[in-house]
Full PDB file with SEQRES, HELIX, SHEET, SSBOND, CRYST1, ORIGX, SCALE, CONECT and MASTER records, all heavy atoms in Angstrom:
SEQRES   1 A   30  PHE ALA ILE VAL HIS PHE MET PRO ASP GLU ALA ASP PRO          
SEQRES   2 A   30  ALA GLY LEU VAL ALA GLY TYR ARG ASP ALA THR VAL PRO          
SEQRES   3 A   30  GLY SER TYR LEU                                              
HELIX    1 AA1 VAL A    4  PHE A    6  5                                   3    
HELIX    2 AA2 ASP A    9  ALA A   11  5                                   3    
HELIX    3 AA3 PRO A   13  ASP A   22  1                                  10    
CRYST1    1.000    1.000    1.000  90.00  90.00  90.00 P 1           1          
ORIGX1      1.000000  0.000000  0.000000        0.00000                         
ORIGX2      0.000000  1.000000  0.000000        0.00000                         
ORIGX3      0.000000  0.000000  1.000000        0.00000                         
SCALE1      1.000000  0.000000  0.000000        0.00000                         
SCALE2      0.000000  1.000000  0.000000        0.00000                         
SCALE3      0.000000  0.000000  1.000000        0.00000                         
ATOM      1  N   PHE A   1       1.957  -0.996  -7.896  1.00  0.00           N  
ATOM      2  CA  PHE A   1       1.107  -1.532  -8.943  1.00  0.00           C  
ATOM      3  C   PHE A   1       0.328  -2.731  -8.419  1.00  0.00           C  
ATOM      4  O   PHE A   1       0.909  -3.750  -8.050  1.00  0.00           O  
ATOM      5  CB  PHE A   1       1.940  -1.931 -10.155  1.00  0.00           C  
ATOM      6  CG  PHE A   1       2.652  -0.762 -10.808  1.00  0.00           C  
ATOM      7  CD1 PHE A   1       4.028  -0.787 -11.002  1.00  0.00           C  
ATOM      8  CD2 PHE A   1       1.947   0.357 -11.204  1.00  0.00           C  
ATOM      9  CE1 PHE A   1       4.684   0.272 -11.600  1.00  0.00           C  
ATOM     10  CE2 PHE A   1       2.590   1.435 -11.801  1.00  0.00           C  
ATOM     11  CZ  PHE A   1       3.961   1.399 -12.000  1.00  0.00           C  
ATOM     12  N   ALA A   2      -0.993  -2.591  -8.386  1.00  0.00           N  
ATOM     13  CA  ALA A   2      -1.891  -3.685  -7.984  1.00  0.00           C  
ATOM     14  C   ALA A   2      -1.491  -4.283  -6.639  1.00  0.00           C  
ATOM     15  O   ALA A   2      -1.437  -5.495  -6.467  1.00  0.00           O  
ATOM     16  CB  ALA A   2      -1.922  -4.770  -9.056  1.00  0.00           C  
ATOM     17  N   ILE A   3      -1.212  -3.419  -5.667  1.00  0.00           N  
ATOM     18  CA  ILE A   3      -0.812  -3.893  -4.347  1.00  0.00           C  
ATOM     19  C   ILE A   3      -1.703  -3.329  -3.238  1.00  0.00           C  
ATOM     20  O   ILE A   3      -2.074  -4.043  -2.300  1.00  0.00           O  
ATOM     21  CB  ILE A   3       0.691  -3.575  -4.063  1.00  0.00           C  
ATOM     22  CG1 ILE A   3       1.110  -4.094  -2.684  1.00  0.00           C  
ATOM     23  CG2 ILE A   3       0.976  -2.094  -4.193  1.00  0.00           C  
ATOM     24  CD1 ILE A   3       1.065  -5.577  -2.541  1.00  0.00           C  
ATOM     25  N   VAL A   4      -2.110  -2.049  -3.342  1.00  0.00           N  
ATOM     26  CA  VAL A   4      -2.851  -1.437  -2.240  1.00  0.00           C  
ATOM     27  C   VAL A   4      -4.237  -2.046  -2.085  1.00  0.00           C  
ATOM     28  O   VAL A   4      -4.788  -2.065  -0.983  1.00  0.00           O  
ATOM     29  CB  VAL A   4      -2.919   0.090  -2.414  1.00  0.00           C  
ATOM     30  CG1 VAL A   4      -3.673   0.742  -1.258  1.00  0.00           C  
ATOM     31  CG2 VAL A   4      -1.512   0.688  -2.505  1.00  0.00           C  
ATOM     32  N   HIS A   5      -4.811  -2.583  -3.165  1.00  0.00           N  
ATOM     33  CA  HIS A   5      -6.129  -3.203  -3.002  1.00  0.00           C  
ATOM     34  C   HIS A   5      -6.076  -4.514  -2.223  1.00  0.00           C  
ATOM     35  O   HIS A   5      -7.116  -5.095  -1.925  1.00  0.00           O  
ATOM     36  CB  HIS A   5      -6.838  -3.398  -4.354  1.00  0.00           C  
ATOM     37  CG  HIS A   5      -6.069  -4.144  -5.382  1.00  0.00           C  
ATOM     38  ND1 HIS A   5      -5.880  -3.666  -6.669  1.00  0.00           N  
ATOM     39  CD2 HIS A   5      -5.454  -5.354  -5.355  1.00  0.00           C  
ATOM     40  CE1 HIS A   5      -5.198  -4.537  -7.370  1.00  0.00           C  
ATOM     41  NE2 HIS A   5      -4.935  -5.567  -6.601  1.00  0.00           N  
ATOM     42  N   PHE A   6      -4.879  -4.964  -1.859  1.00  0.00           N  
ATOM     43  CA  PHE A   6      -4.758  -6.112  -0.964  1.00  0.00           C  
ATOM     44  C   PHE A   6      -4.690  -5.687   0.501  1.00  0.00           C  
ATOM     45  O   PHE A   6      -4.461  -6.508   1.378  1.00  0.00           O  
ATOM     46  CB  PHE A   6      -3.527  -6.956  -1.328  1.00  0.00           C  
ATOM     47  CG  PHE A   6      -3.668  -7.663  -2.650  1.00  0.00           C  
ATOM     48  CD1 PHE A   6      -2.863  -7.336  -3.722  1.00  0.00           C  
ATOM     49  CD2 PHE A   6      -4.633  -8.643  -2.828  1.00  0.00           C  
ATOM     50  CE1 PHE A   6      -3.003  -7.967  -4.947  1.00  0.00           C  
ATOM     51  CE2 PHE A   6      -4.781  -9.288  -4.043  1.00  0.00           C  
ATOM     52  CZ  PHE A   6      -3.964  -8.945  -5.112  1.00  0.00           C  
ATOM     53  N   MET A   7      -4.911  -4.395   0.745  1.00  0.00           N  
ATOM     54  CA  MET A   7      -4.957  -3.883   2.111  1.00  0.00           C  
ATOM     55  C   MET A   7      -6.393  -3.495   2.450  1.00  0.00           C  
ATOM     56  O   MET A   7      -6.976  -2.630   1.779  1.00  0.00           O  
ATOM     57  CB  MET A   7      -4.048  -2.660   2.272  1.00  0.00           C  
ATOM     58  CG  MET A   7      -2.580  -2.956   2.175  1.00  0.00           C  
ATOM     59  SD  MET A   7      -1.617  -1.504   2.700  1.00  0.00           S  
ATOM     60  CE  MET A   7      -2.032  -1.439   4.453  1.00  0.00           C  
ATOM     61  N   PRO A   8      -6.989  -4.095   3.486  1.00  0.00           N  
ATOM     62  CA  PRO A   8      -8.349  -3.693   3.879  1.00  0.00           C  
ATOM     63  C   PRO A   8      -8.343  -2.299   4.487  1.00  0.00           C  
ATOM     64  O   PRO A   8      -7.297  -1.777   4.887  1.00  0.00           O  
ATOM     65  CB  PRO A   8      -8.731  -4.753   4.912  1.00  0.00           C  
ATOM     66  CG  PRO A   8      -7.425  -5.198   5.491  1.00  0.00           C  
ATOM     67  CD  PRO A   8      -6.446  -5.145   4.358  1.00  0.00           C  
ATOM     68  N   ASP A   9      -9.501  -1.687   4.565  1.00  0.00           N  
ATOM     69  CA  ASP A   9      -9.596  -0.333   5.104  1.00  0.00           C  
ATOM     70  C   ASP A   9      -9.044  -0.241   6.520  1.00  0.00           C  
ATOM     71  O   ASP A   9      -8.405   0.755   6.886  1.00  0.00           O  
ATOM     72  CB  ASP A   9     -11.056   0.143   5.086  1.00  0.00           C  
ATOM     73  CG  ASP A   9     -11.583   0.344   3.670  1.00  0.00           C  
ATOM     74  OD1 ASP A   9     -10.769   0.524   2.749  1.00  0.00           O  
ATOM     75  OD2 ASP A   9     -12.809   0.309   3.496  1.00  0.00           O  
ATOM     76  N   GLU A  10      -9.277  -1.283   7.316  1.00  0.00           N  
ATOM     77  CA  GLU A  10      -8.814  -1.234   8.703  1.00  0.00           C  
ATOM     78  C   GLU A  10      -7.299  -1.279   8.830  1.00  0.00           C  
ATOM     79  O   GLU A  10      -6.743  -0.977   9.891  1.00  0.00           O  
ATOM     80  CB  GLU A  10      -9.443  -2.368   9.526  1.00  0.00           C  
ATOM     81  CG  GLU A  10      -9.238  -3.753   8.967  1.00  0.00           C  
ATOM     82  CD  GLU A  10     -10.369  -4.199   8.061  1.00  0.00           C  
ATOM     83  OE1 GLU A  10     -11.040  -3.326   7.453  1.00  0.00           O  
ATOM     84  OE2 GLU A  10     -10.583  -5.413   7.936  1.00  0.00           O  
ATOM     85  N   ALA A  11      -6.611  -1.654   7.746  1.00  0.00           N  
ATOM     86  CA  ALA A  11      -5.146  -1.664   7.763  1.00  0.00           C  
ATOM     87  C   ALA A  11      -4.560  -0.305   7.407  1.00  0.00           C  
ATOM     88  O   ALA A  11      -3.339  -0.152   7.367  1.00  0.00           O  
ATOM     89  CB  ALA A  11      -4.619  -2.731   6.810  1.00  0.00           C  
ATOM     90  N   ASP A  12      -5.421   0.685   7.141  1.00  0.00           N  
ATOM     91  CA  ASP A  12      -5.013   2.060   6.881  1.00  0.00           C  
ATOM     92  C   ASP A  12      -4.114   2.178   5.647  1.00  0.00           C  
ATOM     93  O   ASP A  12      -2.941   2.557   5.746  1.00  0.00           O  
ATOM     94  CB  ASP A  12      -4.288   2.641   8.100  1.00  0.00           C  
ATOM     95  CG  ASP A  12      -4.019   4.138   7.953  1.00  0.00           C  
ATOM     96  OD1 ASP A  12      -4.685   4.796   7.121  1.00  0.00           O  
ATOM     97  OD2 ASP A  12      -3.132   4.643   8.672  1.00  0.00           O  
ATOM     98  N   PRO A  13      -4.665   1.892   4.462  1.00  0.00           N  
ATOM     99  CA  PRO A  13      -3.854   2.027   3.247  1.00  0.00           C  
ATOM    100  C   PRO A  13      -3.381   3.449   3.004  1.00  0.00           C  
ATOM    101  O   PRO A  13      -2.279   3.653   2.482  1.00  0.00           O  
ATOM    102  CB  PRO A  13      -4.793   1.542   2.136  1.00  0.00           C  
ATOM    103  CG  PRO A  13      -6.163   1.657   2.703  1.00  0.00           C  
ATOM    104  CD  PRO A  13      -6.028   1.400   4.169  1.00  0.00           C  
ATOM    105  N   ALA A  14      -4.194   4.443   3.410  1.00  0.00           N  
ATOM    106  CA  ALA A  14      -3.762   5.824   3.232  1.00  0.00           C  
ATOM    107  C   ALA A  14      -2.514   6.115   4.068  1.00  0.00           C  
ATOM    108  O   ALA A  14      -1.603   6.831   3.629  1.00  0.00           O  
ATOM    109  CB  ALA A  14      -4.888   6.788   3.623  1.00  0.00           C  
ATOM    110  N   GLY A  15      -2.472   5.549   5.260  1.00  0.00           N  
ATOM    111  CA  GLY A  15      -1.295   5.718   6.106  1.00  0.00           C  
ATOM    112  C   GLY A  15      -0.069   5.057   5.500  1.00  0.00           C  
ATOM    113  O   GLY A  15       1.055   5.577   5.615  1.00  0.00           O  
ATOM    114  N   LEU A  16      -0.268   3.907   4.862  1.00  0.00           N  
ATOM    115  CA  LEU A  16       0.834   3.216   4.182  1.00  0.00           C  
ATOM    116  C   LEU A  16       1.420   4.105   3.092  1.00  0.00           C  
ATOM    117  O   LEU A  16       2.640   4.323   3.031  1.00  0.00           O  
ATOM    118  CB  LEU A  16       0.333   1.908   3.577  1.00  0.00           C  
ATOM    119  CG  LEU A  16       1.258   1.251   2.548  1.00  0.00           C  
ATOM    120  CD1 LEU A  16       2.438   0.600   3.243  1.00  0.00           C  
ATOM    121  CD2 LEU A  16       0.515   0.240   1.693  1.00  0.00           C  
ATOM    122  N   VAL A  17       0.543   4.606   2.223  1.00  0.00           N  
ATOM    123  CA  VAL A  17       1.018   5.446   1.120  1.00  0.00           C  
ATOM    124  C   VAL A  17       1.709   6.691   1.664  1.00  0.00           C  
ATOM    125  O   VAL A  17       2.774   7.094   1.176  1.00  0.00           O  
ATOM    126  CB  VAL A  17      -0.153   5.835   0.198  1.00  0.00           C  
ATOM    127  CG1 VAL A  17       0.326   6.763  -0.911  1.00  0.00           C  
ATOM    128  CG2 VAL A  17      -0.797   4.582  -0.413  1.00  0.00           C  
ATOM    129  N   ALA A  18       1.126   7.285   2.701  1.00  0.00           N  
ATOM    130  CA  ALA A  18       1.718   8.486   3.292  1.00  0.00           C  
ATOM    131  C   ALA A  18       3.088   8.201   3.900  1.00  0.00           C  
ATOM    132  O   ALA A  18       3.981   9.059   3.875  1.00  0.00           O  
ATOM    133  CB  ALA A  18       0.788   9.057   4.358  1.00  0.00           C  
ATOM    134  N   GLY A  19       3.271   6.983   4.419  1.00  0.00           N  
ATOM    135  CA  GLY A  19       4.562   6.630   4.994  1.00  0.00           C  
ATOM    136  C   GLY A  19       5.678   6.678   3.977  1.00  0.00           C  
ATOM    137  O   GLY A  19       6.784   7.179   4.257  1.00  0.00           O  
ATOM    138  N   TYR A  20       5.402   6.178   2.786  1.00  0.00           N  
ATOM    139  CA  TYR A  20       6.410   6.232   1.723  1.00  0.00           C  
ATOM    140  C   TYR A  20       6.538   7.645   1.163  1.00  0.00           C  
ATOM    141  O   TYR A  20       7.646   8.082   0.810  1.00  0.00           O  
ATOM    142  CB  TYR A  20       6.071   5.227   0.625  1.00  0.00           C  
ATOM    143  CG  TYR A  20       6.295   3.800   1.065  1.00  0.00           C  
ATOM    144  CD1 TYR A  20       5.234   2.994   1.431  1.00  0.00           C  
ATOM    145  CD2 TYR A  20       7.587   3.270   1.120  1.00  0.00           C  
ATOM    146  CE1 TYR A  20       5.442   1.689   1.855  1.00  0.00           C  
ATOM    147  CE2 TYR A  20       7.799   1.973   1.545  1.00  0.00           C  
ATOM    148  CZ  TYR A  20       6.732   1.180   1.910  1.00  0.00           C  
ATOM    149  OH  TYR A  20       6.937  -0.113   2.346  1.00  0.00           O  
ATOM    150  N   ARG A  21       5.433   8.351   1.082  1.00  0.00           N  
ATOM    151  CA  ARG A  21       5.495   9.754   0.622  1.00  0.00           C  
ATOM    152  C   ARG A  21       6.405  10.560   1.532  1.00  0.00           C  
ATOM    153  O   ARG A  21       7.266  11.318   1.060  1.00  0.00           O  
ATOM    154  CB  ARG A  21       4.083  10.346   0.631  1.00  0.00           C  
ATOM    155  CG  ARG A  21       4.009  11.811   0.189  1.00  0.00           C  
ATOM    156  CD  ARG A  21       2.702  12.435   0.660  1.00  0.00           C  
ATOM    157  NE  ARG A  21       2.644  12.504   2.122  1.00  0.00           N  
ATOM    158  CZ  ARG A  21       1.526  12.500   2.834  1.00  0.00           C  
ATOM    159  NH1 ARG A  21       0.349  12.412   2.237  1.00  0.00           N  
ATOM    160  NH2 ARG A  21       1.577  12.566   4.159  1.00  0.00           N  
ATOM    161  N   ASP A  22       6.226  10.407   2.832  1.00  0.00           N  
ATOM    162  CA  ASP A  22       7.002  11.205   3.780  1.00  0.00           C  
ATOM    163  C   ASP A  22       8.471  10.785   3.843  1.00  0.00           C  
ATOM    164  O   ASP A  22       9.313  11.549   4.317  1.00  0.00           O  
ATOM    165  CB  ASP A  22       6.380  11.103   5.176  1.00  0.00           C  
ATOM    166  CG  ASP A  22       4.997  11.733   5.240  1.00  0.00           C  
ATOM    167  OD1 ASP A  22       4.637  12.489   4.310  1.00  0.00           O  
ATOM    168  OD2 ASP A  22       4.260  11.451   6.215  1.00  0.00           O  
ATOM    169  N   ALA A  23       8.777   9.582   3.364  1.00  0.00           N  
ATOM    170  CA  ALA A  23      10.162   9.101   3.383  1.00  0.00           C  
ATOM    171  C   ALA A  23      10.942   9.538   2.152  1.00  0.00           C  
ATOM    172  O   ALA A  23      12.152   9.304   2.078  1.00  0.00           O  
ATOM    173  CB  ALA A  23      10.180   7.574   3.480  1.00  0.00           C  
ATOM    174  N   THR A  24      10.248  10.179   1.209  1.00  0.00           N  
ATOM    175  CA  THR A  24      10.914  10.616  -0.014  1.00  0.00           C  
ATOM    176  C   THR A  24      10.917  12.132  -0.109  1.00  0.00           C  
ATOM    177  O   THR A  24      10.103  12.816   0.507  1.00  0.00           O  
ATOM    178  CB  THR A  24      10.221  10.028  -1.257  1.00  0.00           C  
ATOM    179  OG1 THR A  24       8.830  10.406  -1.258  1.00  0.00           O  
ATOM    180  CG2 THR A  24      10.322   8.511  -1.263  1.00  0.00           C  
ATOM    181  N   VAL A  25      11.846  12.649  -0.887  1.00  0.00           N  
ATOM    182  CA  VAL A  25      12.023  14.102  -0.985  1.00  0.00           C  
ATOM    183  C   VAL A  25      11.093  14.687  -2.054  1.00  0.00           C  
ATOM    184  O   VAL A  25      10.579  13.962  -2.911  1.00  0.00           O  
ATOM    185  CB  VAL A  25      13.493  14.438  -1.331  1.00  0.00           C  
ATOM    186  CG1 VAL A  25      14.428  13.924  -0.257  1.00  0.00           C  
ATOM    187  CG2 VAL A  25      13.875  13.880  -2.708  1.00  0.00           C  
ATOM    188  N   PRO A  26      10.873  16.005  -2.003  1.00  0.00           N  
ATOM    189  CA  PRO A  26      10.115  16.656  -3.083  1.00  0.00           C  
ATOM    190  C   PRO A  26      10.743  16.343  -4.444  1.00  0.00           C  
ATOM    191  O   PRO A  26      11.963  16.249  -4.576  1.00  0.00           O  
ATOM    192  CB  PRO A  26      10.224  18.144  -2.738  1.00  0.00           C  
ATOM    193  CG  PRO A  26      10.371  18.153  -1.241  1.00  0.00           C  
ATOM    194  CD  PRO A  26      11.213  16.961  -0.927  1.00  0.00           C  
ATOM    195  N   GLY A  27       9.884  16.190  -5.434  1.00  0.00           N  
ATOM    196  CA  GLY A  27      10.361  15.788  -6.758  1.00  0.00           C  
ATOM    197  C   GLY A  27      10.255  14.292  -6.972  1.00  0.00           C  
ATOM    198  O   GLY A  27      10.466  13.808  -8.085  1.00  0.00           O  
ATOM    199  N   SER A  28       9.920  13.555  -5.889  1.00  0.00           N  
ATOM    200  CA  SER A  28       9.681  12.123  -6.012  1.00  0.00           C  
ATOM    201  C   SER A  28       8.282  11.904  -6.588  1.00  0.00           C  
ATOM    202  O   SER A  28       7.443  12.805  -6.598  1.00  0.00           O  
ATOM    203  CB  SER A  28       9.796  11.434  -4.647  1.00  0.00           C  
ATOM    204  OG  SER A  28      11.120  11.512  -4.154  1.00  0.00           O  
ATOM    205  N   TYR A  29       8.041  10.699  -7.049  1.00  0.00           N  
ATOM    206  CA  TYR A  29       6.758  10.376  -7.674  1.00  0.00           C  
ATOM    207  C   TYR A  29       6.153   9.115  -7.058  1.00  0.00           C  
ATOM    208  O   TYR A  29       6.875   8.249  -6.539  1.00  0.00           O  
ATOM    209  CB  TYR A  29       6.940  10.125  -9.169  1.00  0.00           C  
ATOM    210  CG  TYR A  29       7.196  11.348 -10.003  1.00  0.00           C  
ATOM    211  CD1 TYR A  29       8.489  11.867 -10.123  1.00  0.00           C  
ATOM    212  CD2 TYR A  29       6.160  11.979 -10.705  1.00  0.00           C  
ATOM    213  CE1 TYR A  29       8.739  12.982 -10.911  1.00  0.00           C  
ATOM    214  CE2 TYR A  29       6.405  13.096 -11.494  1.00  0.00           C  
ATOM    215  CZ  TYR A  29       7.691  13.592 -11.598  1.00  0.00           C  
ATOM    216  OH  TYR A  29       7.925  14.700 -12.379  1.00  0.00           O  
ATOM    217  N   LEU A  30       4.840   9.038  -7.156  1.00  0.00           N  
ATOM    218  CA  LEU A  30       4.105   7.818  -6.839  1.00  0.00           C  
ATOM    219  C   LEU A  30       3.343   7.387  -8.090  1.00  0.00           C  
ATOM    220  O   LEU A  30       2.600   8.185  -8.670  1.00  0.00           O  
ATOM    221  CB  LEU A  30       3.105   8.052  -5.698  1.00  0.00           C  
ATOM    222  CG  LEU A  30       2.073   6.938  -5.471  1.00  0.00           C  
ATOM    223  CD1 LEU A  30       2.746   5.655  -4.985  1.00  0.00           C  
ATOM    224  CD2 LEU A  30       0.993   7.384  -4.481  1.00  0.00           C  
TER     225      LEU A  30                                                      
MASTER        0    0    0    3    0    0    0    6  224    1    0    3          
END                                                                             
């Protein structure tokens, strides 16, 4: 909540989100 907009594009916010996605099992939510 209101955290990813504190990451500039060069910090790869998509990679950040994907890192947590990949660390959780199917049925998890974002």
